[in-house]
Amino acid sequence: EAALKVEEERRAVDAKLAEVQDPEQGDAQMPDSEPRKEEEKAPEAEEDEDDDGAEDDKKDAELEEPPQVQLTDDEKKMHFRKQAVKDMTEWTLSTSFTNFTTPTKEEGFDDVKYVWLSKTKCPTYLKDWILHRKITTRVEDIVPSHWFGEQWAAWQLQLHKWQQKQLEWKDSMKRAVPPPEVKEGTKAPEQKQEGQPEGAAATAGGTGGDAGESKAADEMDDEEEEKEFDVFGVPNICDIGKGEPLFNNFTFEDWALLSIRFELHLLVHAFRRDVSDPERVGIHKDHILFYYNKYFRKTFNLKGYGVEAYEDLVELVSDTVSFNRKTMVLEPQLSGDLDAFDLFIKLTEECRRERNLLIDSGKETARLNFSQTALTGPPPVQVPPAQTVPPASMVAAAVTQQPRPYHQRAPRPQVPARSYAVPPPVNTGGYYGGSAAGGYGASRGGYRPMQSSGYAGAQSYGAPKGGKGYYNKGGYGK
């Protein structure tokens, strides 16, 4: 208490001194005790405001109903959310998902807990997931087998023989039917005159009407025979009678359907052989382009067949392959162990006959709309042949042009090879045309210089035979 009294007296003295020093601001200044009281009141006011705000929020929450979330059937089946960034790449997943299994204690785990599904349902879920992935995931590292290569090479050879047979038959038919000739004594058929009735010319001709009726009857008989003809009962497709092949009437569209029919058949069977997995029953619709390019090493142009979807194309060859409506997997309709390729010709011919019947009955949608350029590629560029006779302008220019000087240059003479072992003799001149040896002549005594061999490059003045001479460089020798 004594200390508190001393402290209050000190504060009172300080307050009086402050009023004396600044009398104008004395009223504005407050003792230190008053601000503390206000500071103590401020937190209490804030606490009261927070309590009021919490009560208001609680009342609002009671008034507002929480939103009700409705999940779709697919969302209800999901046990985890799909992330934008996957844990594994598509390549790694497609090459390793077949080895996925659920963990067991035999692998060294202390405990295995099943959170989403029970212990009995979890392996079943994983098995179904792997089966679904096998159908919808393509095999990235698949390699065509030797069996596929043999079948593809044999088919290409057989297809070429059939096309050659068709060309030979058509050429023989053209040669067998010569153009009609009019003999000298034969009367030309009378033409219908203006105003003459239609039957008059036929009556005048005698048997014109009978010929027309017999021709129409023959055409009707041919149609009936074609309807009754059994395509699949033909023993030899290259000779159905008189050497005529079964595929004689094939057009470009028929050959294209024949090729795609066999290619899809071979593709599905080769895929089954190469994957060696009975659970992979065929090729999914989304992977036809990938496997077609992988096996045949060429692009698959769907629009070249006049369709927009694979389902429409497979519908044209539904007797060979078809889609499973549940899994959308391309499955074969024929056996993969055929002894010959004749069956594909018969199927194509049967479809051609049915298509022609539909077109004749007025169904224009049955008409094929194939693009030959898209399926076979652009035709080769025709290069014009080289001109054997040059144009007149080039001939005139060739006549007026003078040959260049180097055209008249004579051939250069052959120079013998130079020998550096023995230098060639040099005749430096002298009297009487003596030899290059130099010296006074034995008979004439002429004087002429010579090239000496005593010192290199030194010259001497000759002397009579057996005499002495002096070198021009001061040397002395014989």
Protein backbone atom coordinates (compact mmCIF):
# COMPACT_ATOMS: atom_id res chain seq x y z
CA GLU A 1 0.00 0.00 0.00
CA ALA A 2 2.82 2.42 0.78
CA ALA A 3 4.26 1.77 -2.65
CA LEU A 4 0.92 2.45 -4.30
CA LYS A 5 0.59 5.74 -2.49
CA VAL A 6 4.08 6.77 -3.54
CA GLU A 7 3.27 5.85 -7.15
CA GLU A 8 0.05 7.91 -7.10
CA GLU A 9 1.87 10.91 -5.67
CA ARG A 10 4.48 10.66 -8.39
CA ARG A 11 1.84 10.54 -11.07
CA ALA A 12 0.06 13.56 -9.61
CA VAL A 13 3.31 15.55 -9.64
CA ASP A 14 3.99 14.57 -13.23
CA ALA A 15 0.51 15.65 -14.24
CA LYS A 16 0.87 19.06 -12.63
CA LEU A 17 4.26 19.57 -14.33
CA ALA A 18 2.70 18.68 -17.68
CA GLU A 19 -0.10 21.21 -17.19
CA VAL A 20 2.44 23.91 -16.30
CA GLN A 21 4.59 23.16 -19.39
CA ASP A 22 1.65 22.95 -21.82
CA PRO A 23 -1.39 24.69 -20.31
CA GLU A 24 -3.28 24.78 -23.66
CA GLN A 25 -3.24 21.01 -24.07
CA GLY A 26 -3.89 20.26 -20.41
CA ASP A 27 -7.55 19.69 -20.95
CA ALA A 28 -6.88 17.32 -23.86
CA GLN A 29 -4.53 15.09 -21.88
CA MET A 30 -6.07 12.45 -19.67
CA PRO A 31 -4.62 10.54 -16.79
CA ASP A 32 -3.06 7.13 -17.62
CA SER A 33 -5.76 5.30 -15.75
CA GLU A 34 -8.58 6.41 -18.07
CA PRO A 35 -7.10 4.92 -21.34
CA ARG A 36 -6.59 1.62 -19.58
CA LYS A 37 -10.21 1.52 -18.62
CA GLU A 38 -11.23 2.10 -22.24
CA GLU A 39 -8.84 -0.64 -23.44
CA GLU A 40 -10.41 -3.06 -21.00
CA LYS A 41 -13.88 -2.22 -22.28
CA ALA A 42 -12.95 -2.70 -25.98
CA PRO A 43 -12.36 -6.53 -25.84
CA GLU A 44 -15.60 -6.98 -23.98
CA ALA A 45 -17.45 -5.13 -26.73
CA GLU A 46 -15.78 -7.26 -29.42
CA GLU A 47 -16.72 -10.46 -27.63
CA ASP A 48 -20.34 -9.34 -27.46
CA GLU A 49 -20.33 -8.61 -31.22
CA ASP A 50 -18.85 -12.06 -32.01
CA ASP A 51 -21.52 -13.75 -29.94
CA ASP A 52 -24.22 -11.84 -31.76
CA GLY A 53 -22.74 -12.77 -35.20
CA ALA A 54 -22.51 -16.46 -34.29
CA GLU A 55 -26.13 -16.50 -33.20
CA ASP A 56 -27.18 -14.85 -36.48
CA ASP A 57 -25.23 -17.38 -38.56
CA LYS A 58 -26.78 -20.22 -36.60
CA LYS A 59 -30.25 -18.89 -37.27
CA ASP A 60 -29.50 -18.49 -41.01
CA ALA A 61 -28.16 -22.02 -41.22
CA GLU A 62 -31.32 -23.34 -39.58
CA LEU A 63 -33.45 -21.46 -42.08
CA GLU A 64 -31.50 -22.58 -45.23
CA GLU A 65 -31.76 -26.23 -46.34
CA PRO A 66 -28.50 -27.99 -47.35
CA PRO A 67 -28.13 -28.76 -51.14
CA GLN A 68 -28.91 -32.29 -52.24
CA VAL A 69 -26.30 -33.87 -54.56
CA GLN A 70 -27.57 -36.37 -57.12
CA LEU A 71 -25.04 -38.79 -58.61
CA THR A 72 -25.40 -40.55 -61.94
CA ASP A 73 -25.21 -44.30 -62.32
CA ASP A 74 -21.65 -44.13 -63.66
CA GLU A 75 -20.56 -41.93 -60.76
CA LYS A 76 -22.07 -44.34 -58.25
CA LYS A 77 -20.00 -47.17 -59.73
CA MET A 78 -16.75 -45.22 -59.38
CA HIS A 79 -14.71 -45.94 -56.27
CA PHE A 80 -12.08 -43.27 -56.90
CA ARG A 81 -11.81 -40.05 -58.86
CA LYS A 82 -10.04 -40.00 -62.21
CA GLN A 83 -7.10 -37.63 -62.30
CA ALA A 84 -6.02 -35.57 -65.30
CA VAL A 85 -2.43 -36.80 -64.96
CA LYS A 86 -2.30 -40.59 -64.90
CA ASP A 87 0.07 -42.64 -62.80
CA MET A 88 1.21 -44.72 -65.81
CA THR A 89 1.59 -44.03 -69.50
CA GLU A 90 -0.66 -45.81 -71.99
CA TRP A 91 2.26 -47.82 -73.37
CA THR A 92 3.35 -49.06 -69.94
CA LEU A 93 -0.22 -49.86 -68.93
CA SER A 94 -1.05 -51.73 -72.15
CA THR A 95 2.04 -53.93 -71.86
CA SER A 96 1.77 -54.77 -68.16
CA PHE A 97 -1.87 -54.72 -67.03
CA THR A 98 -2.30 -58.43 -67.75
CA ASN A 99 0.08 -59.15 -64.83
CA PHE A 100 -1.91 -57.18 -62.24
CA THR A 101 -3.06 -59.16 -59.16
CA THR A 102 -4.40 -58.39 -55.68
CA PRO A 103 -1.86 -58.52 -52.81
CA THR A 104 -1.83 -61.54 -50.53
CA LYS A 105 -0.09 -62.43 -47.27
CA GLU A 106 1.91 -65.10 -49.08
CA GLU A 107 3.83 -62.30 -50.79
CA GLY A 108 5.15 -61.05 -47.43
CA PHE A 109 2.51 -58.53 -46.38
CA ASP A 110 1.65 -58.43 -42.65
CA ASP A 111 -1.97 -57.48 -43.27
CA VAL A 112 -4.19 -56.74 -46.33
CA LYS A 113 -7.24 -54.51 -45.80
CA TYR A 114 -10.10 -54.27 -48.29
CA VAL A 115 -11.72 -50.82 -48.06
CA TRP A 116 -13.83 -50.38 -51.21
CA LEU A 117 -14.94 -53.97 -51.78
CA SER A 118 -14.90 -57.12 -49.74
CA LYS A 119 -12.22 -59.76 -49.95
CA THR A 120 -14.33 -61.99 -52.20
CA LYS A 121 -15.51 -59.24 -54.61
CA CYS A 122 -12.18 -57.51 -55.11
CA PRO A 123 -10.53 -60.29 -57.21
CA THR A 124 -13.66 -60.53 -59.35
CA TYR A 125 -13.61 -56.79 -59.96
CA LEU A 126 -9.95 -56.91 -60.98
CA LYS A 127 -10.55 -59.84 -63.33
CA ASP A 128 -13.42 -58.05 -65.07
CA TRP A 129 -11.32 -54.91 -65.36
CA ILE A 130 -8.46 -56.84 -67.00
CA LEU A 131 -10.87 -58.53 -69.41
CA HIS A 132 -12.34 -55.17 -70.39
CA ARG A 133 -8.87 -53.74 -70.91
CA LYS A 134 -7.94 -56.67 -73.14
CA ILE A 135 -10.84 -55.84 -75.41
CA THR A 136 -10.41 -52.06 -75.52
CA THR A 137 -6.59 -51.78 -75.33
CA ARG A 138 -4.45 -52.45 -78.37
CA VAL A 139 -1.35 -54.65 -78.26
CA GLU A 140 1.47 -52.23 -78.99
CA ASP A 141 4.24 -54.80 -79.40
CA ILE A 142 2.40 -57.27 -81.63
CA VAL A 143 4.46 -58.74 -84.51
CA PRO A 144 2.91 -60.43 -87.60
CA SER A 145 3.70 -64.13 -87.68
CA HIS A 146 5.18 -66.22 -90.48
CA TRP A 147 1.77 -67.78 -91.10
CA PHE A 148 0.32 -64.38 -91.93
CA GLY A 149 3.14 -63.67 -94.39
CA GLU A 150 2.53 -66.94 -96.25
CA GLN A 151 -1.23 -66.40 -96.47
CA TRP A 152 -0.88 -62.81 -97.65
CA ALA A 153 1.68 -63.70 -100.34
CA ALA A 154 -0.43 -66.61 -101.60
CA TRP A 155 -3.53 -64.42 -101.79
CA GLN A 156 -1.79 -61.70 -103.80
CA LEU A 157 -0.54 -64.27 -106.30
CA GLN A 158 -3.98 -65.89 -106.67
CA LEU A 159 -5.72 -62.54 -107.04
CA HIS A 160 -3.36 -61.60 -109.87
CA LYS A 161 -4.12 -64.89 -111.67
CA TRP A 162 -7.88 -64.31 -111.43
CA GLN A 163 -7.61 -60.82 -112.87
CA GLN A 164 -5.46 -62.09 -115.73
CA LYS A 165 -8.01 -64.84 -116.42
CA GLN A 166 -10.79 -62.25 -116.68
CA LEU A 167 -8.81 -60.18 -119.17
CA GLU A 168 -7.99 -63.23 -121.29
CA TRP A 169 -11.65 -64.26 -121.40
CA LYS A 170 -12.82 -60.83 -122.47
CA ASP A 171 -10.16 -60.63 -125.18
CA SER A 172 -11.15 -64.04 -126.52
CA MET A 173 -14.81 -62.98 -126.65
CA LYS A 174 -13.90 -59.87 -128.62
CA ARG A 175 -11.96 -61.91 -131.15
CA ALA A 176 -14.68 -64.56 -131.42
CA VAL A 177 -17.42 -62.08 -132.43
CA PRO A 178 -16.42 -60.36 -135.72
CA PRO A 179 -18.19 -57.15 -136.79
CA PRO A 180 -21.20 -57.69 -139.07
CA GLU A 181 -20.41 -57.40 -142.78
CA VAL A 182 -22.88 -56.56 -145.58
CA LYS A 183 -22.44 -58.69 -148.70
CA GLU A 184 -22.76 -57.27 -152.16
CA GLY A 185 -25.97 -59.07 -153.09
CA THR A 186 -27.67 -58.54 -149.71
CA LYS A 187 -30.30 -55.87 -149.50
CA ALA A 188 -29.79 -53.33 -146.74
CA PRO A 189 -32.53 -53.17 -144.10
CA GLU A 190 -35.17 -50.61 -144.89
CA GLN A 191 -35.37 -47.58 -142.66
CA LYS A 192 -38.57 -46.28 -141.24
CA GLN A 193 -39.93 -43.43 -143.31
CA GLU A 194 -41.58 -40.42 -141.80
CA GLY A 195 -45.26 -41.06 -141.29
CA GLN A 196 -44.92 -44.79 -141.79
CA PRO A 197 -46.41 -47.00 -139.02
CA GLU A 198 -44.01 -48.97 -136.85
CA GLY A 199 -45.13 -52.37 -138.11
CA ALA A 200 -44.79 -51.43 -141.79
CA ALA A 201 -41.02 -51.68 -141.91
CA ALA A 202 -41.08 -54.98 -140.08
CA THR A 203 -43.72 -56.32 -142.47
CA ALA A 204 -41.72 -55.18 -145.45
CA GLY A 205 -38.61 -56.81 -144.09
CA GLY A 206 -40.42 -60.09 -143.71
CA THR A 207 -39.02 -61.50 -140.46
CA GLY A 208 -38.04 -58.35 -138.47
CA GLY A 209 -40.79 -58.81 -135.90
CA ASP A 210 -39.97 -62.48 -135.38
CA ALA A 211 -36.29 -61.65 -134.78
CA GLY A 212 -37.18 -59.04 -132.11
CA GLU A 213 -39.49 -61.46 -130.35
CA SER A 214 -36.87 -64.23 -130.36
CA LYS A 215 -34.25 -61.84 -128.94
CA ALA A 216 -36.55 -60.81 -126.09
CA ALA A 217 -37.32 -64.46 -125.37
CA ASP A 218 -33.59 -65.25 -125.20
CA GLU A 219 -33.02 -62.43 -122.71
CA MET A 220 -35.83 -63.73 -120.50
CA ASP A 221 -34.35 -67.22 -120.59
CA ASP A 222 -30.94 -65.85 -119.59
CA GLU A 223 -32.47 -64.01 -116.63
CA GLU A 224 -34.25 -67.14 -115.46
CA GLU A 225 -31.05 -69.16 -115.76
CA GLU A 226 -29.16 -66.54 -113.78
CA LYS A 227 -31.73 -66.64 -110.98
CA GLU A 228 -31.60 -70.44 -110.81
CA PHE A 229 -27.79 -70.55 -111.00
CA ASP A 230 -26.19 -71.91 -107.82
CA VAL A 231 -22.99 -69.98 -107.20
CA PHE A 232 -21.78 -72.19 -104.36
CA GLY A 233 -22.28 -75.36 -106.42
CA VAL A 234 -19.66 -74.41 -109.02
CA PRO A 235 -16.78 -76.90 -108.87
CA ASN A 236 -14.32 -74.74 -110.84
CA ILE A 237 -14.65 -70.97 -110.55
CA CYS A 238 -12.34 -70.47 -113.56
CA ASP A 239 -14.64 -72.45 -115.90
CA ILE A 240 -18.40 -72.50 -115.42
CA GLY A 241 -18.91 -73.49 -119.05
CA LYS A 242 -17.09 -72.88 -122.34
CA GLY A 243 -14.10 -71.53 -120.43
CA GLU A 244 -16.03 -68.64 -118.85
CA PRO A 245 -14.87 -67.75 -115.31
CA LEU A 246 -17.34 -67.18 -112.51
CA PHE A 247 -15.91 -63.68 -111.98
CA ASN A 248 -16.30 -62.66 -115.60
CA ASN A 249 -18.67 -59.78 -114.78
CA PHE A 250 -16.60 -58.37 -111.91
CA THR A 251 -16.09 -54.62 -111.99
CA PHE A 252 -13.75 -52.46 -109.95
CA GLU A 253 -16.20 -52.38 -107.04
CA ASP A 254 -16.42 -56.18 -106.98
CA TRP A 255 -12.65 -56.60 -106.94
CA ALA A 256 -12.41 -54.02 -104.14
CA LEU A 257 -15.02 -55.88 -102.07
CA LEU A 258 -13.24 -59.16 -102.72
CA SER A 259 -9.94 -57.70 -101.45
CA ILE A 260 -11.34 -56.07 -98.31
CA ARG A 261 -13.35 -59.21 -97.56
CA PHE A 262 -10.25 -61.37 -97.49
CA GLU A 263 -8.06 -58.74 -95.76
CA LEU A 264 -10.43 -58.37 -92.80
CA HIS A 265 -10.82 -62.15 -92.59
CA LEU A 266 -7.04 -62.65 -92.56
CA LEU A 267 -6.50 -59.76 -90.14
CA VAL A 268 -8.80 -61.16 -87.46
CA HIS A 269 -7.41 -64.70 -87.66
CA ALA A 270 -3.79 -63.48 -87.69
CA PHE A 271 -4.49 -61.32 -84.64
CA ARG A 272 -5.88 -64.28 -82.72
CA ARG A 273 -2.86 -66.39 -83.59
CA ASP A 274 -0.28 -63.73 -82.71
CA VAL A 275 -1.70 -62.66 -79.32
CA SER A 276 -2.15 -66.28 -78.17
CA ASP A 277 -4.81 -65.23 -75.67
CA PRO A 278 -8.28 -66.83 -75.79
CA GLU A 279 -9.76 -63.84 -73.97
CA ARG A 280 -8.87 -61.55 -76.88
CA VAL A 281 -11.60 -62.72 -79.22
CA GLY A 282 -11.06 -60.08 -81.88
CA ILE A 283 -10.14 -56.53 -82.80
CA HIS A 284 -12.01 -53.60 -81.28
CA LYS A 285 -13.58 -51.10 -83.64
CA ASP A 286 -11.29 -48.29 -82.48
CA HIS A 287 -8.13 -50.28 -83.30
CA ILE A 288 -8.90 -51.53 -86.82
CA LEU A 289 -6.80 -48.79 -88.41
CA PHE A 290 -3.83 -49.54 -86.11
CA TYR A 291 -3.76 -53.29 -86.77
CA TYR A 292 -4.46 -52.89 -90.50
CA ASN A 293 -1.42 -50.66 -90.87
CA LYS A 294 0.61 -52.95 -88.59
CA TYR A 295 -0.03 -56.06 -90.69
CA PHE A 296 -0.52 -54.91 -94.29
CA ARG A 297 1.86 -51.92 -94.15
CA LYS A 298 -0.61 -49.61 -95.89
CA THR A 299 -3.20 -47.05 -94.91
CA PHE A 300 -6.87 -47.87 -94.57
CA ASN A 301 -8.97 -45.33 -96.47
CA LEU A 302 -12.53 -45.69 -95.18
CA LYS A 303 -13.98 -42.95 -97.38
CA GLY A 304 -12.72 -44.74 -100.49
CA TYR A 305 -15.53 -47.27 -99.96
CA GLY A 306 -18.16 -44.51 -99.83
CA VAL A 307 -18.96 -44.96 -96.12
CA GLU A 308 -18.33 -42.93 -92.98
CA ALA A 309 -18.15 -45.62 -90.28
CA TYR A 310 -16.64 -49.07 -89.92
CA GLU A 311 -20.06 -50.51 -89.20
CA ASP A 312 -21.24 -49.56 -92.71
CA LEU A 313 -18.20 -51.15 -94.35
CA VAL A 314 -18.50 -54.38 -92.37
CA GLU A 315 -22.16 -54.53 -93.34
CA LEU A 316 -21.05 -54.92 -96.98
CA VAL A 317 -19.01 -58.03 -96.08
CA SER A 318 -21.12 -59.32 -93.20
CA ASP A 319 -20.84 -62.87 -94.57
CA THR A 320 -17.12 -62.85 -93.70
CA VAL A 321 -16.72 -60.65 -90.58
CA SER A 322 -19.13 -58.86 -88.24
CA PHE A 323 -19.18 -56.70 -85.12
CA ASN A 324 -20.25 -58.02 -81.76
CA ARG A 325 -23.05 -55.61 -80.75
CA LYS A 326 -22.13 -55.82 -77.08
CA THR A 327 -18.36 -55.39 -77.18
CA MET A 328 -17.94 -53.86 -80.70
CA VAL A 329 -15.23 -56.39 -81.48
CA LEU A 330 -14.64 -57.55 -85.06
CA GLU A 331 -15.18 -61.30 -85.14
CA PRO A 332 -14.75 -63.74 -88.08
CA GLN A 333 -17.58 -65.71 -89.65
CA LEU A 334 -15.42 -68.16 -91.59
CA SER A 335 -12.83 -70.68 -90.51
CA GLY A 336 -9.18 -69.69 -90.62
CA ASP A 337 -8.08 -73.06 -92.08
CA LEU A 338 -9.48 -72.80 -95.61
CA ASP A 339 -7.92 -75.02 -98.25
CA ALA A 340 -8.44 -72.52 -101.09
CA PHE A 341 -9.58 -68.97 -101.70
CA ASP A 342 -12.46 -69.89 -104.03
CA LEU A 343 -15.05 -69.26 -101.32
CA PHE A 344 -14.30 -65.50 -101.34
CA ILE A 345 -14.98 -65.35 -105.10
CA LYS A 346 -18.30 -67.14 -104.62
CA LEU A 347 -19.36 -64.83 -101.78
CA THR A 348 -18.51 -61.77 -103.84
CA GLU A 349 -20.39 -63.09 -106.88
CA GLU A 350 -23.46 -63.91 -104.79
CA CYS A 351 -23.48 -60.37 -103.34
CA ARG A 352 -23.09 -58.90 -106.82
CA ARG A 353 -26.14 -60.76 -108.11
CA GLU A 354 -28.26 -59.72 -105.11
CA ARG A 355 -27.14 -56.12 -105.47
CA ASN A 356 -28.05 -56.05 -109.15
CA LEU A 357 -31.52 -57.42 -108.36
CA LEU A 358 -32.07 -54.65 -105.82
CA ILE A 359 -30.92 -51.99 -108.27
CA ASP A 360 -33.18 -53.39 -111.01
CA SER A 361 -36.11 -53.29 -108.60
CA GLY A 362 -35.55 -49.55 -108.09
CA LYS A 363 -33.52 -49.47 -104.85
CA GLU A 364 -30.78 -46.98 -105.68
CA THR A 365 -29.30 -47.14 -102.18
CA ALA A 366 -27.91 -50.57 -103.07
CA ARG A 367 -25.61 -49.02 -105.68
CA LEU A 368 -21.97 -48.83 -104.60
CA ASN A 369 -20.16 -45.52 -104.59
CA PHE A 370 -16.48 -46.45 -104.42
CA SER A 371 -13.64 -44.09 -105.27
CA GLN A 372 -11.09 -45.79 -107.48
CA THR A 373 -8.56 -42.99 -107.00
CA ALA A 374 -8.78 -43.19 -103.20
CA LEU A 375 -8.41 -46.99 -103.13
CA THR A 376 -5.75 -47.51 -105.79
CA GLY A 377 -3.96 -44.16 -105.63
CA PRO A 378 -3.58 -41.54 -108.38
CA PRO A 379 -2.85 -42.84 -111.88
CA PRO A 380 0.76 -42.62 -113.09
CA VAL A 381 1.76 -39.46 -114.91
CA GLN A 382 1.92 -39.99 -118.64
CA VAL A 383 5.23 -38.67 -119.95
CA PRO A 384 5.02 -37.56 -123.63
CA PRO A 385 7.42 -39.46 -125.95
CA ALA A 386 10.60 -37.75 -127.07
CA GLN A 387 10.44 -35.97 -130.45
CA THR A 388 12.48 -37.71 -133.14
CA VAL A 389 12.46 -34.69 -135.49
CA PRO A 390 13.55 -31.40 -133.92
CA PRO A 391 11.49 -28.27 -134.55
CA ALA A 392 12.28 -26.05 -137.53
CA SER A 393 13.52 -23.23 -135.29
CA MET A 394 16.16 -25.51 -133.75
CA VAL A 395 17.29 -26.70 -137.22
CA ALA A 396 17.71 -23.12 -138.47
CA ALA A 397 19.68 -22.15 -135.39
CA ALA A 398 21.94 -25.17 -135.82
CA VAL A 399 22.68 -24.25 -139.45
CA THR A 400 23.56 -20.60 -138.80
CA GLN A 401 25.65 -21.29 -135.71
CA GLN A 402 29.39 -21.44 -136.42
CA PRO A 403 31.50 -24.03 -134.71
CA ARG A 404 33.69 -22.83 -131.91
CA PRO A 405 37.48 -22.67 -132.36
CA TYR A 406 38.22 -25.46 -129.96
CA HIS A 407 36.17 -27.80 -132.12
CA GLN A 408 38.91 -27.54 -134.83
CA ARG A 409 41.90 -27.92 -132.54
CA ALA A 410 44.37 -30.52 -133.77
CA PRO A 411 45.35 -33.35 -131.47
CA ARG A 412 48.41 -32.70 -129.40
CA PRO A 413 51.59 -34.61 -130.34
CA GLN A 414 52.83 -37.20 -127.96
CA VAL A 415 55.91 -36.06 -126.05
CA PRO A 416 58.32 -38.79 -124.97
CA ALA A 417 58.89 -39.09 -121.31
CA ARG A 418 61.87 -37.12 -120.03
CA SER A 419 64.71 -39.04 -118.43
CA TYR A 420 66.50 -37.33 -115.58
CA ALA A 421 69.24 -39.96 -115.26
CA VAL A 422 71.22 -38.87 -118.38
CA PRO A 423 70.75 -35.28 -119.63
CA PRO A 424 70.07 -34.94 -123.35
CA PRO A 425 73.04 -33.81 -125.52
CA VAL A 426 73.04 -30.11 -126.43
CA ASN A 427 74.72 -28.86 -129.56
CA THR A 428 75.95 -25.37 -128.81
CA GLY A 429 77.09 -24.71 -132.31
CA GLY A 430 80.60 -24.48 -133.94
CA TYR A 431 82.45 -24.71 -137.23
CA TYR A 432 81.86 -27.37 -139.85
CA GLY A 433 78.85 -28.69 -137.98
CA GLY A 434 80.97 -30.93 -135.85
CA SER A 435 79.68 -33.11 -133.08
CA ALA A 436 78.56 -31.79 -129.74
CA ALA A 437 81.68 -33.18 -128.12
CA GLY A 438 83.63 -30.03 -129.04
CA GLY A 439 87.41 -29.55 -129.63
CA TYR A 440 89.46 -29.14 -132.75
CA GLY A 441 88.63 -31.51 -135.48
CA ALA A 442 91.11 -34.18 -136.25
CA SER A 443 91.08 -33.32 -139.98
CA ARG A 444 89.92 -29.71 -140.09
CA GLY A 445 91.19 -28.38 -136.77
CA GLY A 446 88.05 -26.28 -136.35
CA TYR A 447 87.34 -24.49 -133.20
CA ARG A 448 84.02 -24.81 -131.38
CA PRO A 449 82.99 -24.85 -127.73
CA MET A 450 81.69 -27.97 -126.07
CA GLN A 451 79.87 -28.95 -122.89
CA SER A 452 82.39 -30.57 -120.60
CA SER A 453 81.74 -33.27 -118.10
CA GLY A 454 84.72 -32.46 -115.86
CA TYR A 455 82.93 -29.97 -113.61
CA ALA A 456 79.18 -29.51 -113.50
CA GLY A 457 78.18 -26.84 -115.95
CA ALA A 458 81.79 -25.89 -116.79
CA GLN A 459 82.84 -25.22 -120.38
CA SER A 460 86.34 -25.83 -121.82
CA TYR A 461 88.07 -24.86 -124.95
CA GLY A 462 89.03 -27.85 -126.97
CA ALA A 463 92.53 -28.96 -128.01
CA PRO A 464 93.81 -31.43 -130.56
CA LYS A 465 93.28 -35.07 -129.88
CA GLY A 466 95.43 -36.09 -126.97
CA GLY A 467 96.25 -32.45 -126.11
CA LYS A 468 95.47 -30.41 -123.05
CA GLY A 469 92.93 -27.63 -122.51
CA TYR A 470 92.05 -24.98 -119.99
CA TYR A 471 88.62 -24.73 -118.25
CA ASN A 472 86.93 -21.34 -118.11
CA LYS A 473 86.64 -21.68 -114.35
CA GLY A 474 90.30 -22.15 -113.78
CA GLY A 475 90.24 -25.92 -113.83
CA TYR A 476 92.83 -27.89 -115.73
CA GLY A 477 92.10 -31.27 -117.21
CA LYS A 478 92.42 -33.48 -120.20
